[in-house]
Amino acid sequence: MTVIYIQDGDAIDFVSTTNLPAGSVVVQGHLVGVTTRPLVAADPGALQVEGVYDFPITAGPTAGIGDQVFWDPVAGLATLDGTVTGVAYCGVVARPLAVTDTVIRVLLNHPR
């Protein structure tokens, strides 16, 4: 059997079970995606799975470019601690994180 090209892969088809505002983070298995427009429950939409995004993070930690970043769906925040139960790897730091920053710039789904 041959492989058939479907799409570029920067976004994937997605149907949410709930209404989601633009900028929502969705974890599906080991894949993290971001909605770029509001999605209505049961309507076809898409998740961006590539690109650079600013994720909310609690001020305090510091990180350098290339450090791993995880998404904590319970807290609704990014974290640098991959040992927290329930977090999903979402990418790597794309801009150094200072101790006072409340957003972390992430290159989404960058291979580990």
Protein backbone atom coordinates (compact mmCIF):
# COMPACT_ATOMS: atom_id res chain seq x y z
CA MET A 1 0.00 0.00 0.00
CA THR A 2 1.20 3.52 -0.73
CA VAL A 3 1.05 6.52 1.55
CA ILE A 4 -1.42 9.28 0.62
CA TYR A 5 -0.71 12.95 1.35
CA ILE A 6 -3.51 14.61 3.37
CA GLN A 7 -2.30 18.03 4.59
CA ASP A 8 0.81 19.97 5.64
CA GLY A 9 0.56 18.96 9.30
CA ASP A 10 0.76 22.34 11.02
CA ALA A 11 -2.90 21.86 11.96
CA ILE A 12 -5.04 18.79 12.48
CA ASP A 13 -8.78 18.30 12.23
CA PHE A 14 -10.54 18.44 15.58
CA VAL A 15 -14.11 18.22 16.87
CA SER A 16 -14.53 19.40 20.44
CA THR A 17 -17.15 18.08 22.82
CA THR A 18 -17.45 21.56 24.40
CA ASN A 19 -17.31 25.14 23.19
CA LEU A 20 -13.72 26.42 23.26
CA PRO A 21 -12.49 30.01 22.95
CA ALA A 22 -9.56 30.89 20.71
CA GLY A 23 -6.28 30.22 22.50
CA SER A 24 -7.48 27.08 24.27
CA VAL A 25 -4.89 24.36 24.83
CA VAL A 26 -6.04 20.84 23.98
CA VAL A 27 -4.12 17.70 24.93
CA GLN A 28 -4.75 14.56 22.90
CA GLY A 29 -2.51 11.73 24.04
CA HIS A 30 1.05 13.00 23.52
CA LEU A 31 0.00 15.83 21.20
CA VAL A 32 -0.73 19.38 22.37
CA GLY A 33 -2.69 21.73 20.13
CA VAL A 34 -3.98 25.29 20.31
CA THR A 35 -7.26 26.63 18.97
CA THR A 36 -6.73 29.74 16.84
CA ARG A 37 -10.42 30.59 16.64
CA PRO A 38 -13.43 29.80 18.79
CA LEU A 39 -14.73 26.26 18.31
CA VAL A 40 -18.35 25.25 18.79
CA ALA A 41 -19.05 21.84 20.31
CA ALA A 42 -19.59 19.11 17.70
CA ASP A 43 -18.58 21.37 14.78
CA PRO A 44 -15.48 20.52 12.74
CA GLY A 45 -12.49 22.72 13.49
CA ALA A 46 -8.72 22.54 13.74
CA LEU A 47 -5.90 22.55 16.26
CA GLN A 48 -2.58 24.17 15.47
CA VAL A 49 0.16 21.72 16.40
CA GLU A 50 3.13 23.74 15.12
CA GLY A 51 4.24 27.32 15.66
CA VAL A 52 5.39 29.59 18.46
CA TYR A 53 2.94 30.53 21.22
CA ASP A 54 3.00 32.43 24.50
CA PHE A 55 1.68 30.16 27.26
CA PRO A 56 0.76 31.43 30.74
CA ILE A 57 3.19 30.43 33.50
CA THR A 58 3.56 31.32 37.17
CA ALA A 59 6.35 33.86 37.70
CA GLY A 60 9.43 32.54 39.46
CA PRO A 61 11.27 29.98 37.37
CA THR A 62 13.88 30.81 34.74
CA ALA A 63 14.59 28.85 31.57
CA GLY A 64 16.83 29.02 28.53
CA ILE A 65 16.10 28.48 24.87
CA GLY A 66 15.55 24.79 24.18
CA ASP A 67 14.49 23.83 27.71
CA GLN A 68 11.46 21.54 27.81
CA VAL A 69 8.02 22.96 28.62
CA PHE A 70 4.96 21.03 29.80
CA TRP A 71 1.25 21.91 29.93
CA ASP A 72 -0.66 21.37 33.16
CA PRO A 73 -4.32 21.08 32.10
CA VAL A 74 -5.54 21.13 35.72
CA ALA A 75 -3.78 24.42 36.57
CA GLY A 76 -4.20 25.84 33.07
CA LEU A 77 -0.51 26.84 33.12
CA ALA A 78 2.77 25.86 31.52
CA THR A 79 5.39 24.37 33.79
CA LEU A 80 9.03 23.38 33.53
CA ASP A 81 8.44 20.39 35.81
CA GLY A 82 7.70 17.29 33.78
CA THR A 83 7.25 15.16 36.89
CA VAL A 84 3.91 16.76 37.86
CA THR A 85 1.11 14.22 37.49
CA GLY A 86 -1.03 14.82 34.41
CA VAL A 87 1.24 17.26 32.56
CA ALA A 88 1.90 16.86 28.84
CA TYR A 89 5.07 17.81 26.98
CA CYS A 90 4.18 20.76 24.75
CA GLY A 91 7.51 21.95 23.31
CA VAL A 92 10.65 23.92 24.06
CA VAL A 93 11.42 27.43 25.26
CA ALA A 94 11.75 29.81 22.29
CA ARG A 95 12.73 32.92 24.29
CA PRO A 96 14.62 32.95 27.60
CA LEU A 97 12.28 33.03 30.60
CA ALA A 98 13.05 35.59 33.31
CA VAL A 99 12.00 35.23 36.94
CA THR A 100 9.33 37.97 36.54
CA ASP A 101 7.76 36.61 33.33
CA THR A 102 4.15 35.40 33.46
CA VAL A 103 4.21 33.99 29.90
CA ILE A 104 6.65 31.56 28.36
CA ARG A 105 7.28 31.51 24.61
CA VAL A 106 7.07 27.91 23.37
CA LEU A 107 7.96 26.26 20.07
CA LEU A 108 5.00 23.89 20.03
CA ASN A 109 5.58 20.12 19.81
CA HIS A 110 9.28 20.42 19.05
CA PRO A 111 10.79 16.91 19.06
CA ARG A 112 12.50 16.04 22.33
